């Protein structure tokens, strides 16, 4: 079972504020960290690496990682942008981002919202775009 204590409360709090605005999105423990889902699809996963690091990115120290879905047109741009982004090869259109003191939380909100739109049924994605 997940140890949600591995993700700093301040990071979880910021992500909760973002995800609270997304229709029918819900949070649950993942195998490590937390994930947010729409129906049965995960659109956001956040966790802290341990001393073993990450299978997706070379890290010298433990780090907070966020994985999310990118729209097809943005996938290549994000994965080739370099730090703080990386390609997470566990699924189609999945990108990762290192969260740290330099993180732009406005950008995170946009990325999470776009990820939700990728995973959400059209009706819910449209509702979000319509502001309802």
C-alpha atoms as a PDB file:
ATOM      1  CA  UNK A   1       0.000   0.000   0.000  1.00  0.00           C
ATOM      2  CA  UNK A   2       1.094   3.549  -0.626  1.00  0.00           C
ATOM      3  CA  UNK A   3       2.890   5.743   1.816  1.00  0.00           C
ATOM      4  CA  UNK A   4       1.375   9.131   1.031  1.00  0.00           C
ATOM      5  CA  UNK A   5       3.645  10.701   3.623  1.00  0.00           C
ATOM      6  CA  UNK A   6       6.443  10.454   1.062  1.00  0.00           C
ATOM      7  CA  UNK A   7       5.036  13.493  -0.771  1.00  0.00           C
ATOM      8  CA  UNK A   8       5.431  16.788   1.098  1.00  0.00           C
ATOM      9  CA  UNK A   9       2.074  18.119   2.350  1.00  0.00           C
ATOM     10  CA  UNK A  10       2.652  21.477   0.631  1.00  0.00           C
ATOM     11  CA  UNK A  11       2.929  19.753  -2.772  1.00  0.00           C
ATOM     12  CA  UNK A  12      -0.137  17.589  -2.139  1.00  0.00           C
ATOM     13  CA  UNK A  13      -2.058  20.675  -1.032  1.00  0.00           C
ATOM     14  CA  UNK A  14      -1.238  22.586  -4.216  1.00  0.00           C
ATOM     15  CA  UNK A  15      -2.231  19.645  -6.411  1.00  0.00           C
ATOM     16  CA  UNK A  16      -5.471  19.168  -4.480  1.00  0.00           C
ATOM     17  CA  UNK A  17      -6.423  22.789  -5.134  1.00  0.00           C
ATOM     18  CA  UNK A  18      -5.848  22.297  -8.867  1.00  0.00           C
ATOM     19  CA  UNK A  19      -7.677  18.962  -9.059  1.00  0.00           C
ATOM     20  CA  UNK A  20     -10.622  20.149  -6.975  1.00  0.00           C
ATOM     21  CA  UNK A  21     -11.664  22.253  -9.981  1.00  0.00           C
ATOM     22  CA  UNK A  22     -11.845  19.256 -12.331  1.00  0.00           C
ATOM     23  CA  UNK A  23     -15.315  17.650 -12.663  1.00  0.00           C
ATOM     24  CA  UNK A  24     -15.592  14.187 -11.115  1.00  0.00           C
ATOM     25  CA  UNK A  25     -11.840  13.955 -10.455  1.00  0.00           C
ATOM     26  CA  UNK A  26     -10.891  12.038  -7.347  1.00  0.00           C
ATOM     27  CA  UNK A  27      -7.747  11.298  -5.373  1.00  0.00           C
ATOM     28  CA  UNK A  28      -6.575   7.932  -4.136  1.00  0.00           C
ATOM     29  CA  UNK A  29      -3.415   6.298  -2.814  1.00  0.00           C
ATOM     30  CA  UNK A  30      -1.265   4.715  -5.502  1.00  0.00           C
ATOM     31  CA  UNK A  31       1.377   2.008  -5.125  1.00  0.00           C
ATOM     32  CA  UNK A  32       3.627   4.918  -4.210  1.00  0.00           C
ATOM     33  CA  UNK A  33       2.428   8.448  -3.575  1.00  0.00           C
ATOM     34  CA  UNK A  34      -0.975   9.658  -4.741  1.00  0.00           C
ATOM     35  CA  UNK A  35      -2.863   9.665  -7.986  1.00  0.00           C
ATOM     36  CA  UNK A  36      -5.826  11.583  -9.296  1.00  0.00           C
ATOM     37  CA  UNK A  37      -8.270   9.880 -11.598  1.00  0.00           C
ATOM     38  CA  UNK A  38     -11.265  10.500 -13.772  1.00  0.00           C
ATOM     39  CA  UNK A  39     -13.434   7.427 -13.924  1.00  0.00           C
ATOM     40  CA  UNK A  40     -10.813   4.652 -14.087  1.00  0.00           C
ATOM     41  CA  UNK A  41      -8.114   6.627 -15.862  1.00  0.00           C
ATOM     42  CA  UNK A  42      -5.209   8.234 -14.043  1.00  0.00           C
ATOM     43  CA  UNK A  43      -4.395  11.754 -15.184  1.00  0.00           C
ATOM     44  CA  UNK A  44      -1.916  12.694 -12.442  1.00  0.00           C
ATOM     45  CA  UNK A  45       0.486  10.766 -10.208  1.00  0.00           C
ATOM     46  CA  UNK A  46       2.861  12.316  -7.679  1.00  0.00           C
ATOM     47  CA  UNK A  47       5.470  10.554  -5.570  1.00  0.00           C
ATOM     48  CA  UNK A  48       8.901  10.960  -4.052  1.00  0.00           C
ATOM     49  CA  UNK A  49      11.746   8.781  -5.265  1.00  0.00           C
ATOM     50  CA  UNK A  50      13.852   6.927  -2.763  1.00  0.00           C
ATOM     51  CA  UNK A  51      17.548   6.102  -2.767  1.00  0.00           C
ATOM     52  CA  UNK A  52      17.004   3.816  -5.779  1.00  0.00           C
ATOM     53  CA  UNK A  53      16.021   6.812  -7.905  1.00  0.00           C
ATOM     54  CA  UNK A  54      13.648   6.574 -10.849  1.00  0.00           C
ATOM     55  CA  UNK A  55      13.438   4.247 -13.826  1.00  0.00           C
ATOM     56  CA  UNK A  56      12.655   7.237 -16.069  1.00  0.00           C
ATOM     57  CA  UNK A  57      15.213   9.884 -15.157  1.00  0.00           C
ATOM     58  CA  UNK A  58      18.708   9.953 -13.683  1.00  0.00           C
ATOM     59  CA  UNK A  59      18.666  11.626 -10.282  1.00  0.00           C
ATOM     60  CA  UNK A  60      21.433  12.100  -7.766  1.00  0.00           C
ATOM     61  CA  UNK A  61      19.091  12.610  -4.821  1.00  0.00           C
ATOM     62  CA  UNK A  62      15.504  11.754  -3.945  1.00  0.00           C
ATOM     63  CA  UNK A  63      13.069  13.997  -5.809  1.00  0.00           C
ATOM     64  CA  UNK A  64       9.358  14.686  -6.090  1.00  0.00           C
ATOM     65  CA  UNK A  65       8.083  13.486  -9.458  1.00  0.00           C
ATOM     66  CA  UNK A  66       4.777  14.139 -11.155  1.00  0.00           C
ATOM     67  CA  UNK A  67       3.589  12.140 -14.154  1.00  0.00           C
ATOM     68  CA  UNK A  68       0.699  13.248 -16.327  1.00  0.00           C
ATOM     69  CA  UNK A  69      -0.831  12.842 -19.791  1.00  0.00           C
ATOM     70  CA  UNK A  70       0.083  15.247 -22.559  1.00  0.00           C
ATOM     71  CA  UNK A  71      -1.995  16.054 -25.623  1.00  0.00           C
ATOM     72  CA  UNK A  72      -0.405  14.600 -28.775  1.00  0.00           C
ATOM     73  CA  UNK A  73       0.726  18.008 -30.029  1.00  0.00           C
ATOM     74  CA  UNK A  74       2.580  18.767 -26.788  1.00  0.00           C
ATOM     75  CA  UNK A  75       4.076  15.356 -26.052  1.00  0.00           C
ATOM     76  CA  UNK A  76       7.192  15.741 -28.194  1.00  0.00           C
ATOM     77  CA  UNK A  77       7.802  19.331 -27.111  1.00  0.00           C
ATOM     78  CA  UNK A  78       7.623  18.476 -23.412  1.00  0.00           C
ATOM     79  CA  UNK A  79       9.698  15.321 -23.609  1.00  0.00           C
ATOM     80  CA  UNK A  80      12.416  17.047 -25.641  1.00  0.00           C
ATOM     81  CA  UNK A  81      12.452  20.188 -23.489  1.00  0.00           C
ATOM     82  CA  UNK A  82      14.739  18.581 -20.926  1.00  0.00           C
ATOM     83  CA  UNK A  83      14.679  19.336 -17.206  1.00  0.00           C
ATOM     84  CA  UNK A  84      12.392  19.512 -15.400  1.00  0.00           C
ATOM     85  CA  UNK A  85      10.546  17.304 -17.954  1.00  0.00           C
ATOM     86  CA  UNK A  86      11.226  13.709 -18.933  1.00  0.00           C
ATOM     87  CA  UNK A  87       9.534  10.900 -20.861  1.00  0.00           C
ATOM     88  CA  UNK A  88       7.838   8.337 -18.639  1.00  0.00           C
ATOM     89  CA  UNK A  89       7.711   5.177 -20.731  1.00  0.00           C
ATOM     90  CA  UNK A  90       4.987   3.392 -18.813  1.00  0.00           C
ATOM     91  CA  UNK A  91       2.106   4.519 -20.970  1.00  0.00           C
ATOM     92  CA  UNK A  92       1.040   6.279 -24.102  1.00  0.00           C
ATOM     93  CA  UNK A  93       1.409  10.070 -23.919  1.00  0.00           C
ATOM     94  CA  UNK A  94       2.859  10.113 -20.381  1.00  0.00           C
ATOM     95  CA  UNK A  95       5.301  12.838 -19.392  1.00  0.00           C
ATOM     96  CA  UNK A  96       7.074  13.378 -16.106  1.00  0.00           C
ATOM     97  CA  UNK A  97       8.153  16.513 -14.317  1.00  0.00           C
ATOM     98  CA  UNK A  98      10.449  17.064 -11.356  1.00  0.00           C
ATOM     99  CA  UNK A  99       8.793  19.306  -8.758  1.00  0.00           C
ATOM    100  CA  UNK A 100      11.179  21.465  -6.760  1.00  0.00           C
ATOM    101  CA  UNK A 101      11.657  24.977  -5.391  1.00  0.00           C
ATOM    102  CA  UNK A 102      11.794  26.345  -8.951  1.00  0.00           C
ATOM    103  CA  UNK A 103       8.470  24.808 -10.036  1.00  0.00           C
ATOM    104  CA  UNK A 104       6.089  27.149 -11.834  1.00  0.00           C
ATOM    105  CA  UNK A 105       2.738  26.228 -10.272  1.00  0.00           C
ATOM    106  CA  UNK A 106       0.777  28.128 -12.916  1.00  0.00           C
ATOM    107  CA  UNK A 107       2.385  25.864 -15.513  1.00  0.00           C
ATOM    108  CA  UNK A 108       1.636  22.810 -13.350  1.00  0.00           C
ATOM    109  CA  UNK A 109      -2.043  23.818 -13.208  1.00  0.00           C
ATOM    110  CA  UNK A 110      -2.147  24.084 -17.012  1.00  0.00           C
ATOM    111  CA  UNK A 111      -0.406  20.727 -17.477  1.00  0.00           C
ATOM    112  CA  UNK A 112      -2.687  18.961 -14.987  1.00  0.00           C
ATOM    113  CA  UNK A 113      -5.779  20.486 -16.599  1.00  0.00           C
ATOM    114  CA  UNK A 114      -4.598  19.403 -20.055  1.00  0.00           C
ATOM    115  CA  UNK A 115      -3.900  15.912 -18.694  1.00  0.00           C
ATOM    116  CA  UNK A 116      -7.421  15.757 -17.299  1.00  0.00           C
ATOM    117  CA  UNK A 117      -8.800  16.772 -20.712  1.00  0.00           C
ATOM    118  CA  UNK A 118      -6.833  13.938 -22.343  1.00  0.00           C
ATOM    119  CA  UNK A 119      -8.309  11.338 -19.949  1.00  0.00           C
ATOM    120  CA  UNK A 120     -11.815  12.692 -19.327  1.00  0.00           C
ATOM    121  CA  UNK A 121     -14.853  11.691 -21.335  1.00  0.00           C
ATOM    122  CA  UNK A 122     -15.698  14.370 -23.904  1.00  0.00           C
ATOM    123  CA  UNK A 123     -18.750  15.480 -21.948  1.00  0.00           C
ATOM    124  CA  UNK A 124     -16.646  16.284 -18.885  1.00  0.00           C
ATOM    125  CA  UNK A 125     -13.795  17.818 -20.863  1.00  0.00           C
ATOM    126  CA  UNK A 126     -16.315  20.051 -22.632  1.00  0.00           C
ATOM    127  CA  UNK A 127     -17.877  20.999 -19.296  1.00  0.00           C
ATOM    128  CA  UNK A 128     -14.463  22.054 -18.077  1.00  0.00           C
ATOM    129  CA  UNK A 129     -13.755  24.097 -21.181  1.00  0.00           C
ATOM    130  CA  UNK A 130     -17.156  25.715 -20.818  1.00  0.00           C
ATOM    131  CA  UNK A 131     -16.262  26.713 -17.287  1.00  0.00           C
ATOM    132  CA  UNK A 132     -18.967  24.597 -15.673  1.00  0.00           C
END
